Amino acid sequence: MLAGHFTTALAAQQQAPRGHLAYYLVASQLPDMLWLVFHYLGLEPTEPHNVMNVSLDNLQVVMTYSHDLLPILGWIALTTLAGWLLFRSWRPALTGGMLIIVHAVTDYIGGFPHNLFGPDTHSVGTGLYYTYPYLAVALEAVFTVAVMAWVLRTDARAGIRRHRTTWAAWLAVFGGGVAFMFLSADLSLIELTGMNPLPALAGSTIPAMFFIYGLMFAVLLWADRQPTSRTDQPARS
């Protein structure tokens, strides 16, 4: 899941506004960010190395330290502690920890295979990316729409009106993210275009992912800085 995880940060900011959106964005995607770092540490090497060869159903990685259940419990604790140290308040701290839980649960339901701790331990994930990648993307689309509907409803109840540039940014990030996952579900760029793999892109898979995550992160922070207005009467629940 890509766009769906980011949506949870917006909902978290509404429920615990004392925290900063940047903290919630990091928390919402922390396991994936750790995976990208652990690739370079040799802990979770990822293939194919050329981004032109990558699709959801052929991306090979064992996410033992970033996504397996026992390490996830540690990341929840560390994220919660970091939130308390940053904001001196348990509400944003616990909300950050909850984002890790939501990330893990949604990944276990519709993502790569995950285990208790290592590939030889009990499975706690469905591995839909490998078996039914389009179903996995469909679940992400439903989740993304549901969370954003919650965000918009919360805005309406509070009488908050977002600027049109915020709407455009959200559409680009969330709609574009789901479309990207759909297009790459079981077809690589080579298969989509008929191109030959470019040798210059050897080793480009993880840098490309860093770029995608970083761009989405930056756009959402920029969107959050756009002006808002309030209606005269907040909507009643």
Protein backbone atom coordinates (compact mmCIF):
# COMPACT_ATOMS: atom_id res chain seq x y z
CA MET A 1 0.00 0.00 0.00
CA LEU A 2 1.27 3.44 -0.90
CA ALA A 3 -1.35 6.20 -1.11
CA GLY A 4 -3.57 4.53 1.48
CA HIS A 5 -0.94 4.77 4.21
CA PHE A 6 -0.46 8.49 3.59
CA THR A 7 -4.18 9.17 3.97
CA THR A 8 -4.05 7.94 7.57
CA ALA A 9 -1.64 10.77 8.44
CA LEU A 10 -4.26 13.35 7.47
CA ALA A 11 -6.86 11.66 9.64
CA ALA A 12 -4.36 11.48 12.51
CA GLN A 13 -3.65 15.21 12.30
CA GLN A 14 -7.36 15.94 12.61
CA GLN A 15 -7.75 13.73 15.66
CA ALA A 16 -4.56 14.89 17.41
CA PRO A 17 -3.78 18.39 16.05
CA ARG A 18 -1.13 19.05 18.68
CA GLY A 19 1.19 16.80 16.68
CA HIS A 20 2.75 17.89 13.38
CA LEU A 21 1.74 16.44 10.03
CA ALA A 22 5.38 15.59 9.27
CA TYR A 23 5.47 13.30 12.32
CA TYR A 24 2.25 11.59 11.25
CA LEU A 25 3.48 11.17 7.67
CA VAL A 26 6.68 9.52 8.89
CA ALA A 27 4.74 7.30 11.29
CA SER A 28 2.25 6.28 8.60
CA GLN A 29 5.06 5.10 6.30
CA LEU A 30 7.81 4.20 8.79
CA PRO A 31 7.95 0.45 8.00
CA ASP A 32 8.36 1.18 4.29
CA MET A 33 11.01 3.82 4.94
CA LEU A 34 12.88 1.36 7.14
CA TRP A 35 12.68 -1.24 4.38
CA LEU A 36 14.38 1.13 1.94
CA VAL A 37 17.13 1.90 4.46
CA PHE A 38 17.56 -1.77 5.41
CA HIS A 39 18.06 -2.60 1.73
CA TYR A 40 21.30 -0.60 1.76
CA LEU A 41 22.32 -2.17 5.06
CA GLY A 42 22.02 -5.60 3.46
CA LEU A 43 19.22 -6.65 5.82
CA GLU A 44 16.37 -6.59 3.31
CA PRO A 45 17.91 -6.73 -0.19
CA THR A 46 15.38 -6.01 -2.91
CA GLU A 47 15.19 -7.27 -6.50
CA PRO A 48 14.85 -6.56 -9.42
CA HIS A 49 17.58 -3.93 -9.27
CA ASN A 50 16.45 -2.11 -12.42
CA VAL A 51 13.22 -0.18 -11.82
CA MET A 52 12.12 -0.92 -15.39
CA ASN A 53 11.76 -4.60 -14.44
CA VAL A 54 9.65 -4.04 -11.32
CA SER A 55 6.01 -4.97 -10.80
CA LEU A 56 4.18 -5.71 -7.56
CA ASP A 57 4.08 -9.43 -8.20
CA ASN A 58 7.78 -9.78 -9.02
CA LEU A 59 9.34 -7.50 -6.39
CA GLN A 60 11.39 -9.85 -4.26
CA VAL A 61 12.11 -8.82 -0.66
CA VAL A 62 11.81 -10.42 2.77
CA MET A 63 10.88 -7.57 5.13
CA THR A 64 11.93 -9.28 8.34
CA TYR A 65 13.10 -6.24 10.29
CA SER A 66 10.78 -3.57 8.91
CA HIS A 67 7.41 -5.37 8.68
CA ASP A 68 7.39 -8.67 10.57
CA LEU A 69 5.20 -8.74 13.67
CA LEU A 70 7.80 -8.76 16.44
CA PRO A 71 9.86 -5.85 15.01
CA ILE A 72 6.63 -3.94 14.33
CA LEU A 73 5.90 -4.02 18.06
CA GLY A 74 9.26 -2.36 18.64
CA TRP A 75 8.62 0.30 15.98
CA ILE A 76 5.26 1.06 17.60
CA ALA A 77 6.95 1.63 20.96
CA LEU A 78 9.74 3.77 19.48
CA THR A 79 7.31 5.89 17.44
CA THR A 80 5.14 6.46 20.49
CA LEU A 81 8.18 7.44 22.57
CA ALA A 82 9.40 9.80 19.82
CA GLY A 83 5.96 11.43 19.70
CA TRP A 84 5.94 12.02 23.44
CA LEU A 85 9.46 13.50 23.36
CA LEU A 86 8.55 15.77 20.46
CA PHE A 87 5.18 17.03 21.68
CA ARG A 88 5.13 16.24 25.43
CA SER A 89 1.63 14.91 24.98
CA TRP A 90 0.35 11.35 24.93
CA ARG A 91 -2.41 12.01 22.41
CA PRO A 92 -0.16 12.65 19.37
CA ALA A 93 2.33 10.06 20.65
CA LEU A 94 -0.27 7.31 20.86
CA THR A 95 -1.76 8.42 17.56
CA GLY A 96 1.65 7.97 15.93
CA GLY A 97 1.91 4.48 17.37
CA MET A 98 -1.58 3.70 16.08
CA LEU A 99 -0.47 4.69 12.57
CA ILE A 100 2.17 1.94 12.70
CA ILE A 101 -0.51 -0.55 13.75
CA VAL A 102 -2.78 0.51 10.87
CA HIS A 103 0.15 0.27 8.43
CA ALA A 104 0.96 -3.25 9.58
CA VAL A 105 -2.62 -4.51 9.58
CA THR A 106 -3.38 -3.18 6.10
CA ASP A 107 -0.12 -4.62 4.78
CA TYR A 108 -0.86 -7.99 6.34
CA ILE A 109 -4.30 -7.99 4.71
CA GLY A 110 -3.23 -6.89 1.24
CA GLY A 111 0.51 -6.61 0.67
CA PHE A 112 3.71 -8.64 0.59
CA PRO A 113 4.06 -11.80 2.71
CA HIS A 114 5.03 -11.11 6.32
CA ASN A 115 5.81 -13.36 9.27
CA LEU A 116 6.26 -13.34 13.03
CA PHE A 117 10.02 -12.82 12.69
CA GLY A 118 11.73 -14.20 9.62
CA PRO A 119 10.59 -16.33 6.67
CA ASP A 120 10.79 -19.58 8.64
CA THR A 121 8.24 -18.41 11.22
CA HIS A 122 4.45 -18.39 11.08
CA SER A 123 2.91 -16.23 8.33
CA VAL A 124 0.82 -13.24 9.41
CA GLY A 125 0.17 -11.82 5.94
CA THR A 126 -1.84 -12.86 2.92
CA GLY A 127 0.80 -11.95 0.32
CA LEU A 128 -1.85 -10.64 -2.08
CA TYR A 129 0.76 -8.70 -4.06
CA TYR A 130 2.10 -12.03 -5.29
CA THR A 131 -1.15 -13.99 -5.68
CA TYR A 132 -3.84 -11.41 -6.56
CA PRO A 133 -2.12 -8.06 -7.15
CA TYR A 134 -5.15 -6.36 -8.71
CA LEU A 135 -7.29 -7.34 -5.72
CA ALA A 136 -4.63 -5.83 -3.47
CA VAL A 137 -4.74 -2.57 -5.43
CA ALA A 138 -8.54 -2.58 -5.34
CA LEU A 139 -8.43 -2.92 -1.54
CA GLU A 140 -6.03 0.02 -1.40
CA ALA A 141 -8.38 2.11 -3.54
CA VAL A 142 -11.32 1.34 -1.25
CA PHE A 143 -9.25 2.09 1.84
CA THR A 144 -7.98 5.37 0.37
CA VAL A 145 -11.49 6.54 -0.53
CA ALA A 146 -12.85 5.53 2.88
CA VAL A 147 -10.16 7.37 4.85
CA MET A 148 -10.42 10.48 2.70
CA ALA A 149 -14.21 10.44 3.10
CA TRP A 150 -13.61 10.43 6.86
CA VAL A 151 -11.16 13.35 6.50
CA LEU A 152 -13.61 15.40 4.43
CA ARG A 153 -16.49 14.63 6.79
CA THR A 154 -14.38 15.75 9.75
CA ASP A 155 -13.52 18.97 7.91
CA ALA A 156 -17.20 19.58 7.17
CA ARG A 157 -18.21 19.02 10.78
CA ALA A 158 -15.55 21.52 11.88
CA GLY A 159 -16.59 24.05 9.21
CA ILE A 160 -13.21 23.88 7.48
CA ARG A 161 -13.01 24.69 3.77
CA ARG A 162 -9.79 23.65 1.99
CA HIS A 163 -8.13 25.67 -0.76
CA ARG A 164 -8.43 24.32 -4.28
CA THR A 165 -4.67 23.77 -4.43
CA THR A 166 -4.97 21.42 -1.47
CA TRP A 167 -7.64 19.44 -3.31
CA ALA A 168 -5.44 19.29 -6.41
CA ALA A 169 -2.46 18.09 -4.39
CA TRP A 170 -4.51 15.43 -2.63
CA LEU A 171 -5.92 14.20 -5.93
CA ALA A 172 -2.43 14.03 -7.45
CA VAL A 173 -0.95 12.13 -4.50
CA PHE A 174 -3.77 9.73 -3.72
CA GLY A 175 -5.27 9.28 -7.16
CA GLY A 176 -1.83 9.13 -8.75
CA GLY A 177 -0.61 6.69 -6.11
CA VAL A 178 -3.46 4.25 -6.70
CA ALA A 179 -3.10 4.57 -10.49
CA PHE A 180 0.64 3.89 -10.21
CA MET A 181 0.00 0.73 -8.19
CA PHE A 182 -2.64 -0.43 -10.67
CA LEU A 183 -0.37 0.05 -13.68
CA SER A 184 2.47 -1.82 -12.00
CA ALA A 185 0.37 -4.61 -10.46
CA ASP A 186 1.63 -7.39 -12.71
CA LEU A 187 3.31 -5.51 -15.55
CA SER A 188 6.73 -3.89 -15.44
CA LEU A 189 7.62 -0.78 -17.41
CA ILE A 190 9.37 -3.01 -19.93
CA GLU A 191 6.22 -5.09 -20.39
CA LEU A 192 4.00 -2.00 -20.60
CA THR A 193 6.12 -0.19 -23.20
CA GLY A 194 8.02 -2.95 -24.99
CA MET A 195 11.28 -1.13 -24.24
CA ASN A 196 14.56 -2.84 -23.47
CA PRO A 197 15.97 -2.30 -19.95
CA LEU A 198 18.39 0.62 -19.85
CA PRO A 199 21.78 -0.35 -18.38
CA ALA A 200 22.06 3.17 -16.96
CA LEU A 201 19.15 2.34 -14.62
CA ALA A 202 20.92 -0.59 -12.97
CA GLY A 203 20.46 -0.27 -9.22
CA SER A 204 17.63 2.24 -9.65
CA THR A 205 14.76 0.44 -7.88
CA ILE A 206 15.34 1.68 -4.33
CA PRO A 207 16.40 5.23 -5.37
CA ALA A 208 13.20 5.45 -7.44
CA MET A 209 11.16 4.42 -4.41
CA PHE A 210 12.93 6.97 -2.24
CA PHE A 211 12.04 9.61 -4.82
CA ILE A 212 8.35 8.57 -4.99
CA TYR A 213 7.92 8.50 -1.22
CA GLY A 214 9.81 11.78 -0.80
CA LEU A 215 7.79 13.53 -3.50
CA MET A 216 4.47 12.43 -2.01
CA PHE A 217 5.66 13.45 1.46
CA ALA A 218 6.70 16.92 0.21
CA VAL A 219 3.48 17.52 -1.73
CA LEU A 220 1.31 16.63 1.27
CA LEU A 221 3.30 18.96 3.53
CA TRP A 222 2.99 21.73 0.93
CA ALA A 223 -0.76 21.11 0.65
CA ASP A 224 -1.10 21.39 4.41
CA ARG A 225 0.38 24.90 4.27
CA GLN A 226 -2.24 26.17 1.84
CA PRO A 227 -4.84 28.58 3.25
CA THR A 228 -8.10 27.31 4.68
CA SER A 229 -11.32 29.10 5.54
CA ARG A 230 -14.23 28.39 7.82
CA THR A 231 -17.91 28.36 7.05
CA ASP A 232 -20.23 30.37 9.28
CA GLN A 233 -21.81 27.28 10.79
CA PRO A 234 -19.95 23.96 11.26
CA ALA A 235 -22.03 21.03 10.11
CA ARG A 236 -23.85 19.14 12.84
CA SER A 237 -23.14 15.45 13.22
